[in-house]
């Protein structure tokens, strides 16, 4: 096996282990997914954390969560 196939095999084993863990820890997995989605939404909306407070009416309707 060369390096690439070894790496792919290790990633597949890690994904299978993560899938099994997710079955038994569903609530923790859902919280993890929610954190990832929230992070992408913050980046998409370019929300400035801290500083001045911007009301939700500042954003156009299509960008509201």
N, C-alpha and C. Protein backbone atom coordinates (compact mmCIF):
# COMPACT_ATOMS: atom_id res chain seq x y z
N UNK A 1 0.85 -1.19 0.00
CA UNK A 1 0.00 0.00 0.00
C UNK A 1 0.89 1.25 0.00
N UNK A 2 0.51 2.18 -0.80
CA UNK A 2 1.25 3.42 -0.79
C UNK A 2 0.63 4.38 0.22
N UNK A 3 1.21 5.53 0.35
CA UNK A 3 0.79 6.50 1.36
C UNK A 3 -0.65 6.95 1.16
N UNK A 4 -1.06 7.19 -0.07
CA UNK A 4 -2.41 7.68 -0.35
C UNK A 4 -3.47 6.67 0.05
N UNK A 5 -3.27 5.42 -0.33
CA UNK A 5 -4.27 4.41 0.03
C UNK A 5 -4.30 4.16 1.53
N UNK A 6 -3.15 4.26 2.19
CA UNK A 6 -3.11 4.11 3.65
C UNK A 6 -3.88 5.24 4.31
N UNK A 7 -3.69 6.45 3.83
CA UNK A 7 -4.39 7.60 4.37
C UNK A 7 -5.90 7.48 4.16
N UNK A 8 -6.31 7.06 2.99
CA UNK A 8 -7.73 6.88 2.70
C UNK A 8 -8.33 5.81 3.60
N UNK A 9 -7.62 4.72 3.81
CA UNK A 9 -8.09 3.65 4.68
C UNK A 9 -8.25 4.14 6.11
N UNK A 10 -7.28 4.90 6.60
CA UNK A 10 -7.38 5.45 7.96
C UNK A 10 -8.55 6.41 8.10
N UNK A 11 -8.79 7.23 7.08
CA UNK A 11 -9.93 8.15 7.11
C UNK A 11 -11.26 7.39 7.09
N UNK A 12 -11.32 6.31 6.32
CA UNK A 12 -12.54 5.51 6.29
C UNK A 12 -12.80 4.84 7.64
N UNK A 13 -11.76 4.36 8.29
CA UNK A 13 -11.91 3.76 9.62
C UNK A 13 -12.37 4.81 10.62
N UNK A 14 -11.78 6.02 10.54
CA UNK A 14 -12.18 7.10 11.45
C UNK A 14 -13.63 7.50 11.22
N UNK A 15 -14.06 7.56 9.97
CA UNK A 15 -15.45 7.90 9.67
C UNK A 15 -16.41 6.84 10.19
N UNK A 16 -16.04 5.57 10.05
CA UNK A 16 -16.89 4.48 10.56
C UNK A 16 -16.97 4.55 12.09
N UNK A 17 -15.85 4.81 12.74
CA UNK A 17 -15.85 4.93 14.20
C UNK A 17 -16.70 6.12 14.64
N UNK A 18 -16.61 7.24 13.91
CA UNK A 18 -17.41 8.41 14.24
C UNK A 18 -18.89 8.13 14.04
N UNK A 19 -19.24 7.41 13.00
CA UNK A 19 -20.65 7.07 12.74
C UNK A 19 -21.20 6.19 13.86
N UNK A 20 -20.41 5.22 14.31
CA UNK A 20 -20.86 4.37 15.42
C UNK A 20 -21.01 5.19 16.69
N UNK A 21 -20.05 6.08 16.96
CA UNK A 21 -20.14 6.96 18.14
C UNK A 21 -21.40 7.83 18.06
N UNK A 22 -21.69 8.35 16.86
CA UNK A 22 -22.84 9.24 16.69
C UNK A 22 -24.16 8.51 16.95
N UNK A 23 -24.22 7.22 16.65
CA UNK A 23 -25.43 6.45 16.91
C UNK A 23 -25.71 6.39 18.40
N UNK A 24 -24.67 6.20 19.20
CA UNK A 24 -24.85 6.06 20.64
C UNK A 24 -24.89 7.39 21.38
N UNK A 25 -24.41 8.46 20.76
CA UNK A 25 -24.38 9.79 21.38
C UNK A 25 -25.09 10.79 20.49
N UNK A 26 -26.33 10.51 20.17
CA UNK A 26 -27.06 11.30 19.18
C UNK A 26 -27.23 12.76 19.61
N UNK A 27 -27.53 13.00 20.88
CA UNK A 27 -27.76 14.37 21.34
C UNK A 27 -26.49 15.21 21.24
N UNK A 28 -25.36 14.64 21.59
CA UNK A 28 -24.09 15.36 21.48
C UNK A 28 -23.76 15.63 20.02
N UNK A 29 -24.07 14.68 19.15
CA UNK A 29 -23.82 14.86 17.72
C UNK A 29 -24.68 15.98 17.15
N UNK A 30 -25.94 16.05 17.58
CA UNK A 30 -26.84 17.11 17.11
C UNK A 30 -26.34 18.47 17.56
N UNK A 31 -25.88 18.57 18.80
CA UNK A 31 -25.31 19.84 19.29
C UNK A 31 -24.09 20.23 18.47
N UNK A 32 -23.25 19.25 18.13
CA UNK A 32 -22.08 19.51 17.30
C UNK A 32 -22.49 20.03 15.93
N UNK A 33 -23.49 19.41 15.32
CA UNK A 33 -23.99 19.89 14.02
C UNK A 33 -24.52 21.30 14.12
N UNK A 34 -25.26 21.61 15.18
CA UNK A 34 -25.80 22.96 15.36
C UNK A 34 -24.69 23.99 15.48
N UNK A 35 -23.60 23.64 16.17
CA UNK A 35 -22.47 24.58 16.28
C UNK A 35 -21.84 24.83 14.92
N UNK A 36 -21.71 23.79 14.11
CA UNK A 36 -21.11 23.95 12.78
C UNK A 36 -22.00 24.83 11.90
N UNK A 37 -23.30 24.59 11.92
CA UNK A 37 -24.24 25.39 11.12
C UNK A 37 -24.20 26.85 11.58
N UNK A 38 -24.18 27.08 12.89
CA UNK A 38 -24.14 28.45 13.41
C UNK A 38 -22.85 29.16 12.97
N UNK A 39 -21.76 28.42 12.95
CA UNK A 39 -20.49 29.03 12.54
C UNK A 39 -20.54 29.47 11.08
N UNK A 40 -21.11 28.64 10.21
CA UNK A 40 -21.22 29.02 8.80
C UNK A 40 -22.20 30.17 8.61
N UNK A 41 -23.27 30.22 9.38
CA UNK A 41 -24.21 31.33 9.27
C UNK A 41 -23.57 32.64 9.69
N UNK A 42 -22.77 32.60 10.76
CA UNK A 42 -22.08 33.82 11.20
C UNK A 42 -21.13 34.30 10.12
N UNK A 43 -20.42 33.40 9.49
CA UNK A 43 -19.49 33.80 8.43
C UNK A 43 -20.24 34.36 7.22
N UNK A 44 -21.37 33.74 6.91
CA UNK A 44 -22.14 34.17 5.74
C UNK A 44 -22.71 35.57 5.97
N UNK A 45 -23.21 35.82 7.17
CA UNK A 45 -23.80 37.13 7.45
C UNK A 45 -22.77 38.17 7.86
N UNK A 46 -21.54 37.72 8.11
CA UNK A 46 -20.46 38.61 8.52
C UNK A 46 -20.86 39.42 9.75
N UNK A 47 -21.34 38.71 10.75
CA UNK A 47 -21.76 39.35 11.98
C UNK A 47 -20.52 39.75 12.75
N UNK A 48 -20.49 40.98 13.19
CA UNK A 48 -19.38 41.47 13.98
C UNK A 48 -19.68 41.16 15.44
N UNK A 49 -18.86 40.32 16.04
CA UNK A 49 -19.07 39.97 17.43
C UNK A 49 -18.45 41.05 18.31
N UNK A 50 -19.21 41.46 19.33
CA UNK A 50 -18.76 42.53 20.19
C UNK A 50 -19.01 43.87 19.54
N UNK A 51 -18.46 44.90 20.10
CA UNK A 51 -18.63 46.23 19.52
C UNK A 51 -20.05 46.71 19.60
N UNK A 52 -20.52 47.36 18.55
CA UNK A 52 -21.86 47.92 18.56
C UNK A 52 -22.90 46.82 18.35
N UNK A 53 -24.08 47.05 18.88
CA UNK A 53 -25.16 46.09 18.74
C UNK A 53 -26.03 46.50 17.56
N UNK A 54 -26.24 45.57 16.66
CA UNK A 54 -27.02 45.82 15.45
C UNK A 54 -28.33 45.06 15.59
N UNK A 55 -29.43 45.75 15.37
CA UNK A 55 -30.72 45.09 15.49
C UNK A 55 -30.94 44.17 14.29
N UNK A 56 -31.86 43.21 14.45
CA UNK A 56 -32.13 42.27 13.36
C UNK A 56 -32.78 42.97 12.17
N UNK A 57 -33.39 44.11 12.39
CA UNK A 57 -34.03 44.82 11.29
C UNK A 57 -32.99 45.41 10.34
N UNK A 58 -31.72 45.43 10.74
CA UNK A 58 -30.67 45.94 9.90
C UNK A 58 -30.44 45.03 8.69
N UNK A 59 -30.58 43.69 8.88
CA UNK A 59 -30.34 42.76 7.81
C UNK A 59 -31.57 42.62 6.92
N UNK A 60 -31.37 42.45 5.62
CA UNK A 60 -32.51 42.23 4.74
C UNK A 60 -33.24 40.95 5.11
N UNK A 61 -34.47 40.83 4.70
CA UNK A 61 -35.32 39.71 5.09
C UNK A 61 -34.74 38.36 4.66
N UNK A 62 -34.11 38.29 3.51
CA UNK A 62 -33.60 37.01 3.02
C UNK A 62 -32.44 36.49 3.84
N UNK A 63 -31.77 37.32 4.63
CA UNK A 63 -30.61 36.89 5.41
C UNK A 63 -30.96 36.51 6.84
N UNK A 64 -32.18 36.66 7.23
CA UNK A 64 -32.56 36.32 8.60
C UNK A 64 -32.62 34.82 8.76
N UNK A 65 -32.24 34.36 9.96
CA UNK A 65 -32.24 32.92 10.24
C UNK A 65 -33.64 32.42 10.54
